[in-house]
Amino acid sequence: MFLILAGTFPAGLITIRSLLIVDVRYMPVRCPLAVIAAYFAFFGYVGLWLVYIDRSRKDRDSFLDIEPLSSIDTPADCMPHPLTGPFAGGGGDFS
């Protein structure tokens, strides 16, 4: 996350410097353009991060190759039974 923010600031700064080089001296135009450029850079970095996360998850999933627990057949004896007796629940009787 720090790298995303650390890359966003220079994108705005480079945009401001570039606009000064091309002689855009009017501040109400230059600053919003720099903010828009930094905004697009931020979402570009977030997109790269999402691609990185997706790729690392695919690598991890293929490496472990564990089947989910829902696909394992279990006998009915292993399943917990509903509570009976004083701990059965059902709310209170307020009459």
C-alpha atoms as a PDB file:
ATOM      1  CA  MET A   1       0.000   0.000   0.000  1.00  0.00           C
ATOM      2  CA  PHE A   2       2.888   2.328   0.732  1.00  0.00           C
ATOM      3  CA  LEU A   3       4.313   1.749  -2.747  1.00  0.00           C
ATOM      4  CA  ILE A   4       0.971   2.657  -4.318  1.00  0.00           C
ATOM      5  CA  LEU A   5       0.878   5.968  -2.473  1.00  0.00           C
ATOM      6  CA  ALA A   6       4.593   6.528  -3.017  1.00  0.00           C
ATOM      7  CA  GLY A   7       4.037   6.183  -6.767  1.00  0.00           C
ATOM      8  CA  THR A   8       0.968   8.406  -6.850  1.00  0.00           C
ATOM      9  CA  PHE A   9       2.686  11.514  -5.502  1.00  0.00           C
ATOM     10  CA  PRO A  10       5.461  11.577  -8.127  1.00  0.00           C
ATOM     11  CA  ALA A  11       2.854  11.094 -10.872  1.00  0.00           C
ATOM     12  CA  GLY A  12       1.182  14.348  -9.828  1.00  0.00           C
ATOM     13  CA  LEU A  13       4.511  16.099  -9.383  1.00  0.00           C
ATOM     14  CA  ILE A  14       5.771  15.008 -12.798  1.00  0.00           C
ATOM     15  CA  THR A  15       2.511  16.195 -14.338  1.00  0.00           C
ATOM     16  CA  ILE A  16       2.854  19.634 -12.739  1.00  0.00           C
ATOM     17  CA  ARG A  17       6.473  19.904 -13.895  1.00  0.00           C
ATOM     18  CA  SER A  18       5.564  18.768 -17.405  1.00  0.00           C
ATOM     19  CA  LEU A  19       2.776  21.325 -17.641  1.00  0.00           C
ATOM     20  CA  LEU A  20       5.185  24.051 -16.513  1.00  0.00           C
ATOM     21  CA  ILE A  21       7.640  22.975 -19.222  1.00  0.00           C
ATOM     22  CA  VAL A  22       4.953  23.302 -21.902  1.00  0.00           C
ATOM     23  CA  ASP A  23       4.187  26.758 -20.470  1.00  0.00           C
ATOM     24  CA  VAL A  24       0.841  26.120 -18.755  1.00  0.00           C
ATOM     25  CA  ARG A  25       1.141  28.808 -16.078  1.00  0.00           C
ATOM     26  CA  TYR A  26      -2.532  29.101 -15.180  1.00  0.00           C
ATOM     27  CA  MET A  27      -2.799  27.369 -11.783  1.00  0.00           C
ATOM     28  CA  PRO A  28      -6.573  26.570 -11.906  1.00  0.00           C
ATOM     29  CA  VAL A  29      -5.854  24.439 -14.981  1.00  0.00           C
ATOM     30  CA  ARG A  30      -2.496  22.976 -13.978  1.00  0.00           C
ATOM     31  CA  CYS A  31      -3.417  21.649 -10.529  1.00  0.00           C
ATOM     32  CA  PRO A  32      -6.656  19.846 -11.457  1.00  0.00           C
ATOM     33  CA  LEU A  33      -4.835  18.189 -14.382  1.00  0.00           C
ATOM     34  CA  ALA A  34      -2.125  17.024 -11.985  1.00  0.00           C
ATOM     35  CA  VAL A  35      -4.721  15.678  -9.565  1.00  0.00           C
ATOM     36  CA  ILE A  36      -6.476  13.809 -12.380  1.00  0.00           C
ATOM     37  CA  ALA A  37      -3.152  12.330 -13.533  1.00  0.00           C
ATOM     38  CA  ALA A  38      -2.324  11.235  -9.971  1.00  0.00           C
ATOM     39  CA  TYR A  39      -5.832   9.784  -9.646  1.00  0.00           C
ATOM     40  CA  PHE A  40      -5.345   7.671 -12.775  1.00  0.00           C
ATOM     41  CA  ALA A  41      -1.889   6.643 -11.584  1.00  0.00           C
ATOM     42  CA  PHE A  42      -3.353   5.550  -8.247  1.00  0.00           C
ATOM     43  CA  PHE A  43      -5.943   3.336  -9.925  1.00  0.00           C
ATOM     44  CA  GLY A  44      -3.296   1.999 -12.285  1.00  0.00           C
ATOM     45  CA  TYR A  45      -1.150   0.971  -9.323  1.00  0.00           C
ATOM     46  CA  VAL A  46      -4.165  -0.587  -7.599  1.00  0.00           C
ATOM     47  CA  GLY A  47      -4.838  -2.562 -10.784  1.00  0.00           C
ATOM     48  CA  LEU A  48      -1.246  -3.801 -10.844  1.00  0.00           C
ATOM     49  CA  TRP A  49      -1.532  -4.779  -7.192  1.00  0.00           C
ATOM     50  CA  LEU A  50      -4.741  -6.745  -7.876  1.00  0.00           C
ATOM     51  CA  VAL A  51      -3.043  -8.593 -10.737  1.00  0.00           C
ATOM     52  CA  TYR A  52      -0.134  -9.405  -8.407  1.00  0.00           C
ATOM     53  CA  ILE A  53      -2.465 -10.660  -5.663  1.00  0.00           C
ATOM     54  CA  ASP A  54      -4.485 -12.748  -8.120  1.00  0.00           C
ATOM     55  CA  ARG A  55      -1.349 -14.319  -9.546  1.00  0.00           C
ATOM     56  CA  SER A  56       0.071 -15.136  -6.112  1.00  0.00           C
ATOM     57  CA  ARG A  57      -3.218 -16.740  -5.037  1.00  0.00           C
ATOM     58  CA  LYS A  58      -3.314 -18.888  -8.162  1.00  0.00           C
ATOM     59  CA  ASP A  59       0.253 -20.035  -7.501  1.00  0.00           C
ATOM     60  CA  ARG A  60      -0.527 -20.784  -3.876  1.00  0.00           C
ATOM     61  CA  ASP A  61      -3.730 -22.682  -4.716  1.00  0.00           C
ATOM     62  CA  SER A  62      -2.037 -24.818  -7.344  1.00  0.00           C
ATOM     63  CA  PHE A  63       0.868 -25.492  -4.972  1.00  0.00           C
ATOM     64  CA  LEU A  64      -1.256 -26.726  -2.078  1.00  0.00           C
ATOM     65  CA  ASP A  65      -3.927 -28.509  -4.145  1.00  0.00           C
ATOM     66  CA  ILE A  66      -6.142 -29.269  -1.135  1.00  0.00           C
ATOM     67  CA  GLU A  67      -9.707 -30.320  -1.770  1.00  0.00           C
ATOM     68  CA  PRO A  68     -12.409 -28.519   0.208  1.00  0.00           C
ATOM     69  CA  LEU A  69     -13.824 -30.143   3.335  1.00  0.00           C
ATOM     70  CA  SER A  70     -17.337 -30.178   1.907  1.00  0.00           C
ATOM     71  CA  SER A  71     -16.282 -32.860  -0.593  1.00  0.00           C
ATOM     72  CA  ILE A  72     -15.239 -35.325   2.151  1.00  0.00           C
ATOM     73  CA  ASP A  73     -17.816 -37.999   2.984  1.00  0.00           C
ATOM     74  CA  THR A  74     -18.431 -38.310   6.720  1.00  0.00           C
ATOM     75  CA  PRO A  75     -20.639 -40.788   8.541  1.00  0.00           C
ATOM     76  CA  ALA A  76     -23.729 -39.442  10.267  1.00  0.00           C
ATOM     77  CA  ASP A  77     -22.285 -40.448  13.675  1.00  0.00           C
ATOM     78  CA  CYS A  78     -19.651 -37.709  13.432  1.00  0.00           C
ATOM     79  CA  MET A  79     -22.153 -34.924  13.021  1.00  0.00           C
ATOM     80  CA  PRO A  80     -23.103 -33.049  16.206  1.00  0.00           C
ATOM     81  CA  HIS A  81     -26.501 -33.814  17.638  1.00  0.00           C
ATOM     82  CA  PRO A  82     -28.969 -31.085  18.570  1.00  0.00           C
ATOM     83  CA  LEU A  83     -28.927 -30.046  22.213  1.00  0.00           C
ATOM     84  CA  THR A  84     -31.539 -31.471  24.538  1.00  0.00           C
ATOM     85  CA  GLY A  85     -32.411 -30.835  28.151  1.00  0.00           C
ATOM     86  CA  PRO A  86     -31.921 -27.519  29.960  1.00  0.00           C
ATOM     87  CA  PHE A  87     -29.571 -26.202  27.234  1.00  0.00           C
ATOM     88  CA  ALA A  88     -31.977 -26.808  24.353  1.00  0.00           C
ATOM     89  CA  GLY A  89     -32.635 -23.114  23.730  1.00  0.00           C
ATOM     90  CA  GLY A  90     -35.940 -21.944  22.358  1.00  0.00           C
ATOM     91  CA  GLY A  91     -36.177 -18.698  24.305  1.00  0.00           C
ATOM     92  CA  GLY A  92     -37.848 -17.966  27.602  1.00  0.00           C
ATOM     93  CA  ASP A  93     -41.419 -18.206  28.849  1.00  0.00           C
ATOM     94  CA  PHE A  94     -42.554 -14.795  30.068  1.00  0.00           C
ATOM     95  CA  SER A  95     -46.163 -15.565  30.989  1.00  0.00           C
END
